[in-house]
Amino acid sequence: MAQQKLQTNALSYCMDLIGGKWKPIILFHISKGINRFNKLFNEIEGINRQMLSKQLKELEKSGILERTLFPEIPPRVEYTLTPLGKSLMTVVQAMNRWGQKQQEEVKVTKKKDTQQATLFE
């Protein structure tokens, strides 16, 4: 029983760090070199500026991202993965691979259903 609680506590800890709809997507894009606010905003479909800002601040606060402000005019800010953030990329990449596999299976299933429907019409 204590072992199970320890395991779920560890899972809860991970979900606190990268859980939710946007954080894994943000991390994925930053790992691919898209590391400026406007670039992220333009790349991530469906997110609004306020939510992106909030999620970036949370990821920075938890030590997953580092925010670098360049003293230029206009100011430039870039986000990079910290060592902790890099260690999470195996989790994010596994989620991405799983999602791709599931999308392919859904496509195959829908294609089969469509083919069967036309055979019996």
N, C-alpha and C. Protein backbone atom coordinates (compact mmCIF):
# COMPACT_ATOMS: atom_id res chain seq x y z
N MET A 1 0.82 -1.21 0.00
CA MET A 1 0.00 0.00 0.00
C MET A 1 0.86 1.26 0.00
N ALA A 2 1.91 1.27 0.84
CA ALA A 2 2.79 2.43 0.91
C ALA A 2 3.54 2.62 -0.41
N GLN A 3 3.90 1.52 -1.06
CA GLN A 3 4.59 1.59 -2.35
C GLN A 3 3.70 2.22 -3.42
N GLN A 4 2.42 1.84 -3.42
CA GLN A 4 1.48 2.42 -4.40
C GLN A 4 1.31 3.92 -4.16
N LYS A 5 1.24 4.31 -2.90
CA LYS A 5 1.09 5.74 -2.59
C LYS A 5 2.32 6.51 -3.05
N LEU A 6 3.50 5.94 -2.86
CA LEU A 6 4.73 6.57 -3.30
C LEU A 6 4.74 6.73 -4.81
N GLN A 7 4.26 5.70 -5.52
CA GLN A 7 4.23 5.76 -6.98
C GLN A 7 3.23 6.81 -7.46
N THR A 8 2.06 6.87 -6.85
CA THR A 8 1.09 7.88 -7.29
C THR A 8 1.54 9.28 -6.91
N ASN A 9 2.27 9.42 -5.79
CA ASN A 9 2.82 10.73 -5.43
C ASN A 9 3.82 11.18 -6.49
N ALA A 10 4.63 10.25 -6.98
CA ALA A 10 5.61 10.58 -8.02
C ALA A 10 4.90 10.99 -9.31
N LEU A 11 3.84 10.29 -9.66
CA LEU A 11 3.07 10.63 -10.85
C LEU A 11 2.40 11.99 -10.68
N SER A 12 1.87 12.25 -9.52
CA SER A 12 1.25 13.56 -9.25
C SER A 12 2.28 14.67 -9.35
N TYR A 13 3.49 14.41 -8.86
CA TYR A 13 4.56 15.40 -8.95
C TYR A 13 4.86 15.72 -10.42
N CYS A 14 4.98 14.69 -11.23
CA CYS A 14 5.25 14.88 -12.66
C CYS A 14 4.12 15.67 -13.32
N MET A 15 2.89 15.31 -13.02
CA MET A 15 1.74 15.99 -13.61
C MET A 15 1.66 17.45 -13.15
N ASP A 16 2.07 17.72 -11.92
CA ASP A 16 2.11 19.11 -11.45
C ASP A 16 3.09 19.92 -12.29
N LEU A 17 4.20 19.30 -12.69
CA LEU A 17 5.21 20.01 -13.46
C LEU A 17 4.81 20.21 -14.92
N ILE A 18 4.30 19.14 -15.57
CA ILE A 18 4.05 19.24 -17.01
C ILE A 18 2.64 18.86 -17.42
N GLY A 19 1.75 18.74 -16.46
CA GLY A 19 0.38 18.36 -16.78
C GLY A 19 -0.38 19.48 -17.45
N GLY A 20 -1.51 19.12 -17.99
CA GLY A 20 -2.36 20.09 -18.65
C GLY A 20 -2.25 19.99 -20.16
N LYS A 21 -3.02 20.80 -20.81
CA LYS A 21 -3.11 20.75 -22.27
C LYS A 21 -1.89 21.36 -22.95
N TRP A 22 -1.32 22.41 -22.40
CA TRP A 22 -0.35 23.22 -23.13
C TRP A 22 1.11 22.94 -22.83
N LYS A 23 1.45 22.57 -21.61
CA LYS A 23 2.86 22.46 -21.23
C LYS A 23 3.64 21.46 -22.09
N PRO A 24 3.14 20.24 -22.32
CA PRO A 24 3.91 19.34 -23.18
C PRO A 24 4.09 19.88 -24.59
N ILE A 25 3.09 20.56 -25.11
CA ILE A 25 3.18 21.14 -26.46
C ILE A 25 4.22 22.25 -26.48
N ILE A 26 4.22 23.09 -25.48
CA ILE A 26 5.21 24.16 -25.38
C ILE A 26 6.61 23.57 -25.30
N LEU A 27 6.80 22.58 -24.45
CA LEU A 27 8.12 21.95 -24.31
C LEU A 27 8.57 21.32 -25.62
N PHE A 28 7.65 20.67 -26.33
CA PHE A 28 7.99 20.05 -27.61
C PHE A 28 8.51 21.10 -28.58
N HIS A 29 7.81 22.22 -28.69
CA HIS A 29 8.22 23.27 -29.63
C HIS A 29 9.55 23.91 -29.23
N ILE A 30 9.73 24.15 -27.95
CA ILE A 30 11.00 24.75 -27.50
C ILE A 30 12.15 23.79 -27.77
N SER A 31 11.92 22.50 -27.60
CA SER A 31 12.98 21.52 -27.87
C SER A 31 13.36 21.49 -29.35
N LYS A 32 12.44 21.92 -30.21
CA LYS A 32 12.69 21.96 -31.65
C LYS A 32 13.27 23.31 -32.11
N GLY A 33 13.57 24.20 -31.16
CA GLY A 33 14.21 25.46 -31.49
C GLY A 33 13.28 26.65 -31.63
N ILE A 34 12.01 26.45 -31.39
CA ILE A 34 11.06 27.57 -31.42
C ILE A 34 11.01 28.12 -30.00
N ASN A 35 11.79 29.19 -29.77
CA ASN A 35 12.01 29.59 -28.38
C ASN A 35 11.69 31.05 -28.07
N ARG A 36 10.99 31.72 -28.97
CA ARG A 36 10.58 33.10 -28.70
C ARG A 36 9.06 33.15 -28.57
N PHE A 37 8.57 34.08 -27.76
CA PHE A 37 7.14 34.12 -27.44
C PHE A 37 6.27 34.16 -28.70
N ASN A 38 6.53 35.09 -29.60
CA ASN A 38 5.67 35.22 -30.78
C ASN A 38 5.75 34.00 -31.69
N LYS A 39 6.93 33.41 -31.79
CA LYS A 39 7.06 32.19 -32.59
C LYS A 39 6.23 31.07 -31.98
N LEU A 40 6.31 30.93 -30.65
CA LEU A 40 5.52 29.91 -29.97
C LEU A 40 4.03 30.17 -30.17
N PHE A 41 3.63 31.42 -29.99
CA PHE A 41 2.23 31.78 -30.13
C PHE A 41 1.72 31.45 -31.54
N ASN A 42 2.52 31.73 -32.55
CA ASN A 42 2.11 31.45 -33.93
C ASN A 42 2.11 29.95 -34.25
N GLU A 43 2.96 29.19 -33.60
CA GLU A 43 3.09 27.75 -33.86
C GLU A 43 2.01 26.93 -33.16
N ILE A 44 1.59 27.35 -31.97
CA ILE A 44 0.69 26.54 -31.15
C ILE A 44 -0.76 26.95 -31.42
N GLU A 45 -1.44 26.13 -32.16
CA GLU A 45 -2.81 26.42 -32.55
C GLU A 45 -3.75 26.33 -31.35
N GLY A 46 -4.56 27.37 -31.18
CA GLY A 46 -5.60 27.34 -30.14
C GLY A 46 -5.22 28.00 -28.83
N ILE A 47 -3.96 28.32 -28.62
CA ILE A 47 -3.56 28.94 -27.35
C ILE A 47 -3.71 30.46 -27.49
N ASN A 48 -4.07 31.12 -26.39
CA ASN A 48 -4.11 32.58 -26.43
C ASN A 48 -2.87 33.13 -25.72
N ARG A 49 -2.60 34.40 -25.91
CA ARG A 49 -1.37 35.00 -25.38
C ARG A 49 -1.30 34.92 -23.85
N GLN A 50 -2.42 35.13 -23.20
CA GLN A 50 -2.44 35.09 -21.74
C GLN A 50 -2.09 33.69 -21.23
N MET A 51 -2.65 32.67 -21.85
CA MET A 51 -2.38 31.30 -21.43
C MET A 51 -0.93 30.93 -21.71
N LEU A 52 -0.40 31.31 -22.86
CA LEU A 52 1.00 31.02 -23.18
C LEU A 52 1.92 31.67 -22.16
N SER A 53 1.65 32.92 -21.84
CA SER A 53 2.46 33.63 -20.86
C SER A 53 2.40 32.93 -19.50
N LYS A 54 1.22 32.55 -19.08
CA LYS A 54 1.04 31.88 -17.78
C LYS A 54 1.80 30.55 -17.75
N GLN A 55 1.67 29.76 -18.81
CA GLN A 55 2.33 28.45 -18.85
C GLN A 55 3.85 28.60 -18.89
N LEU A 56 4.36 29.57 -19.63
CA LEU A 56 5.80 29.81 -19.67
C LEU A 56 6.32 30.21 -18.29
N LYS A 57 5.58 31.05 -17.60
CA LYS A 57 5.98 31.48 -16.25
C LYS A 57 6.01 30.28 -15.30
N GLU A 58 5.01 29.41 -15.38
CA GLU A 58 4.96 28.23 -14.52
C GLU A 58 6.12 27.29 -14.82
N LEU A 59 6.42 27.09 -16.09
CA LEU A 59 7.53 26.21 -16.47
C LEU A 59 8.87 26.80 -16.02
N GLU A 60 8.98 28.10 -16.08
CA GLU A 60 10.20 28.77 -15.60
C GLU A 60 10.31 28.65 -14.07
N LYS A 61 9.20 28.88 -13.38
CA LYS A 61 9.19 28.81 -11.92
C LYS A 61 9.55 27.42 -11.41
N SER A 62 9.13 26.39 -12.15
CA SER A 62 9.41 25.02 -11.72
C SER A 62 10.80 24.55 -12.14
N GLY A 63 11.55 25.39 -12.84
CA GLY A 63 12.92 25.05 -13.19
C GLY A 63 13.06 24.25 -14.46
N ILE A 64 12.01 24.19 -15.27
CA ILE A 64 12.04 23.41 -16.50
C ILE A 64 12.54 24.27 -17.67
N LEU A 65 12.20 25.55 -17.63
CA LEU A 65 12.65 26.49 -18.66
C LEU A 65 13.50 27.58 -18.04
N GLU A 66 14.40 28.08 -18.87
CA GLU A 66 15.17 29.26 -18.49
C GLU A 66 14.78 30.38 -19.44
N ARG A 67 14.54 31.54 -18.88
CA ARG A 67 14.14 32.72 -19.66
C ARG A 67 15.33 33.66 -19.71
N THR A 68 15.75 34.01 -20.92
CA THR A 68 16.87 34.92 -21.09
C THR A 68 16.37 36.20 -21.75
N LEU A 69 16.60 37.31 -21.07
CA LEU A 69 16.23 38.62 -21.59
C LEU A 69 17.48 39.27 -22.15
N PHE A 70 17.46 39.58 -23.43
CA PHE A 70 18.59 40.23 -24.09
C PHE A 70 18.41 41.74 -24.02
N PRO A 71 19.45 42.46 -23.57
CA PRO A 71 19.34 43.93 -23.42
C PRO A 71 19.45 44.63 -24.77
N GLU A 72 18.39 44.53 -25.54
CA GLU A 72 18.34 45.15 -26.86
C GLU A 72 17.09 46.02 -26.93
N ILE A 73 17.03 46.81 -27.97
CA ILE A 73 15.82 47.59 -28.22
C ILE A 73 15.32 47.19 -29.59
N PRO A 74 14.13 46.63 -29.71
CA PRO A 74 13.24 46.22 -28.62
C PRO A 74 13.80 45.00 -27.89
N PRO A 75 13.41 44.82 -26.63
CA PRO A 75 13.93 43.69 -25.85
C PRO A 75 13.56 42.36 -26.50
N ARG A 76 14.47 41.42 -26.39
CA ARG A 76 14.24 40.09 -26.95
C ARG A 76 14.33 39.08 -25.80
N VAL A 77 13.38 38.15 -25.77
CA VAL A 77 13.35 37.11 -24.74
C VAL A 77 13.37 35.75 -25.45
N GLU A 78 14.21 34.86 -24.94
CA GLU A 78 14.25 33.50 -25.46
C GLU A 78 14.11 32.52 -24.31
N TYR A 79 13.47 31.40 -24.60
CA TYR A 79 13.28 30.34 -23.62
C TYR A 79 14.10 29.13 -24.04
N THR A 80 14.78 28.51 -23.08
CA THR A 80 15.52 27.28 -23.35
C THR A 80 15.22 26.27 -22.26
N LEU A 81 15.40 25.02 -22.60
CA LEU A 81 15.21 23.95 -21.63
C LEU A 81 16.39 23.91 -20.67
N THR A 82 16.11 23.77 -19.40
CA THR A 82 17.15 23.54 -18.40
C THR A 82 17.49 22.05 -18.43
N PRO A 83 18.50 21.62 -17.69
CA PRO A 83 18.76 20.17 -17.62
C PRO A 83 17.52 19.39 -17.16
N LEU A 84 16.76 19.94 -16.22
CA LEU A 84 15.53 19.29 -15.78
C LEU A 84 14.55 19.19 -16.94
N GLY A 85 14.41 20.26 -17.69
CA GLY A 85 13.52 20.27 -18.85
C GLY A 85 13.96 19.26 -19.90
N LYS A 86 15.26 19.18 -20.14
CA LYS A 86 15.78 18.20 -21.11
C LYS A 86 15.48 16.77 -20.65
N SER A 87 15.54 16.54 -19.34
CA SER A 87 15.27 15.19 -18.84
C SER A 87 13.81 14.81 -19.02
N LEU A 88 12.93 15.79 -19.12
CA LEU A 88 11.50 15.53 -19.34
C LEU A 88 11.16 15.24 -20.80
N MET A 89 12.08 15.53 -21.69
CA MET A 89 11.79 15.38 -23.12
C MET A 89 11.53 13.93 -23.50
N THR A 90 12.11 12.97 -22.81
CA THR A 90 11.80 11.57 -23.12
C THR A 90 10.33 11.29 -22.87
N VAL A 91 9.76 11.90 -21.84
CA VAL A 91 8.34 11.73 -21.53
C VAL A 91 7.49 12.39 -22.62
N VAL A 92 7.84 13.61 -22.99
CA VAL A 92 7.08 14.35 -24.01
C VAL A 92 7.18 13.64 -25.35
N GLN A 93 8.36 13.16 -25.71
CA GLN A 93 8.53 12.45 -26.98
C GLN A 93 7.74 11.14 -26.99
N ALA A 94 7.71 10.45 -25.85
CA ALA A 94 6.91 9.21 -25.77
C ALA A 94 5.43 9.52 -25.94
N MET A 95 4.96 10.62 -25.36
CA MET A 95 3.57 11.03 -25.53
C MET A 95 3.29 11.33 -27.00
N ASN A 96 4.22 11.99 -27.67
CA ASN A 96 4.06 12.33 -29.08
C ASN A 96 4.00 11.07 -29.94
N ARG A 97 4.91 10.12 -29.70
CA ARG A 97 4.90 8.86 -30.46
C ARG A 97 3.61 8.09 -30.25
N TRP A 98 3.14 8.04 -29.00
CA TRP A 98 1.89 7.34 -28.69
C TRP A 98 0.73 8.00 -29.44
N GLY A 99 0.68 9.33 -29.41
CA GLY A 99 -0.39 10.06 -30.09
C GLY A 99 -0.37 9.83 -31.59
N GLN A 100 0.82 9.81 -32.19
CA GLN A 100 0.93 9.55 -33.63
C GLN A 100 0.43 8.15 -33.96
N LYS A 101 0.81 7.18 -33.14
CA LYS A 101 0.38 5.79 -33.37
C LYS A 101 -1.14 5.68 -33.27
N GLN A 102 -1.72 6.34 -32.28
CA GLN A 102 -3.18 6.28 -32.10
C GLN A 102 -3.90 6.96 -33.25
N GLN A 103 -3.36 8.07 -33.73
CA GLN A 103 -3.97 8.76 -34.87
C GLN A 103 -3.94 7.87 -36.12
N GLU A 104 -2.84 7.16 -36.32
CA GLU A 104 -2.75 6.25 -37.47
C GLU A 104 -3.76 5.11 -37.36
N GLU A 105 -3.90 4.57 -36.15
CA GLU A 105 -4.86 3.48 -35.95
C GLU A 105 -6.29 3.96 -36.18
N VAL A 106 -6.60 5.17 -35.77
CA VAL A 106 -7.93 5.73 -35.99
C VAL A 106 -8.17 5.90 -37.48
N LYS A 107 -7.17 6.38 -38.22
CA LYS A 107 -7.30 6.55 -39.67
C LYS A 107 -7.57 5.21 -40.35
N VAL A 108 -6.84 4.18 -39.96
CA VAL A 108 -7.02 2.85 -40.55
C VAL A 108 -8.41 2.32 -40.24
N THR A 109 -8.86 2.48 -39.00
CA THR A 109 -10.19 2.03 -38.60
C THR A 109 -11.27 2.76 -39.39
N LYS A 110 -11.14 4.07 -39.52
CA LYS A 110 -12.13 4.86 -40.27
C LYS A 110 -12.14 4.45 -41.73
N LYS A 111 -10.95 4.20 -42.29
CA LYS A 111 -10.86 3.80 -43.69
C LYS A 111 -11.56 2.45 -43.90
N LYS A 112 -11.34 1.51 -42.98
CA LYS A 112 -12.00 0.20 -43.08
C LYS A 112 -13.51 0.35 -42.97
N ASP A 113 -13.96 1.19 -42.02
CA ASP A 113 -15.40 1.41 -41.84
C ASP A 113 -16.02 2.01 -43.10
N THR A 114 -15.31 2.94 -43.72
CA THR A 114 -15.80 3.58 -44.94
C THR A 114 -15.88 2.58 -46.08
N GLN A 115 -14.86 1.72 -46.20
CA GLN A 115 -14.84 0.72 -47.26
C GLN A 115 -15.98 -0.29 -47.08
N GLN A 116 -16.22 -0.71 -45.84
CA GLN A 116 -17.29 -1.66 -45.58
C GLN A 116 -18.64 -1.03 -45.86
N ALA A 117 -18.82 0.23 -45.52
CA ALA A 117 -20.08 0.91 -45.76
C ALA A 117 -20.39 0.96 -47.25
N THR A 118 -19.40 1.23 -48.10
CA THR A 118 -19.65 1.32 -49.53
C THR A 118 -19.89 -0.05 -50.12
N LEU A 119 -19.36 -1.11 -49.54
CA LEU A 119 -19.60 -2.47 -50.05
C LEU A 119 -21.05 -2.89 -49.85
N PHE A 120 -21.67 -2.42 -48.78
CA PHE A 120 -23.02 -2.88 -48.45
C PHE A 120 -24.11 -1.89 -48.87
N GLU A 121 -23.75 -0.84 -49.53
CA GLU A 121 -24.76 0.15 -49.95
C GLU A 121 -25.34 -0.24 -51.27
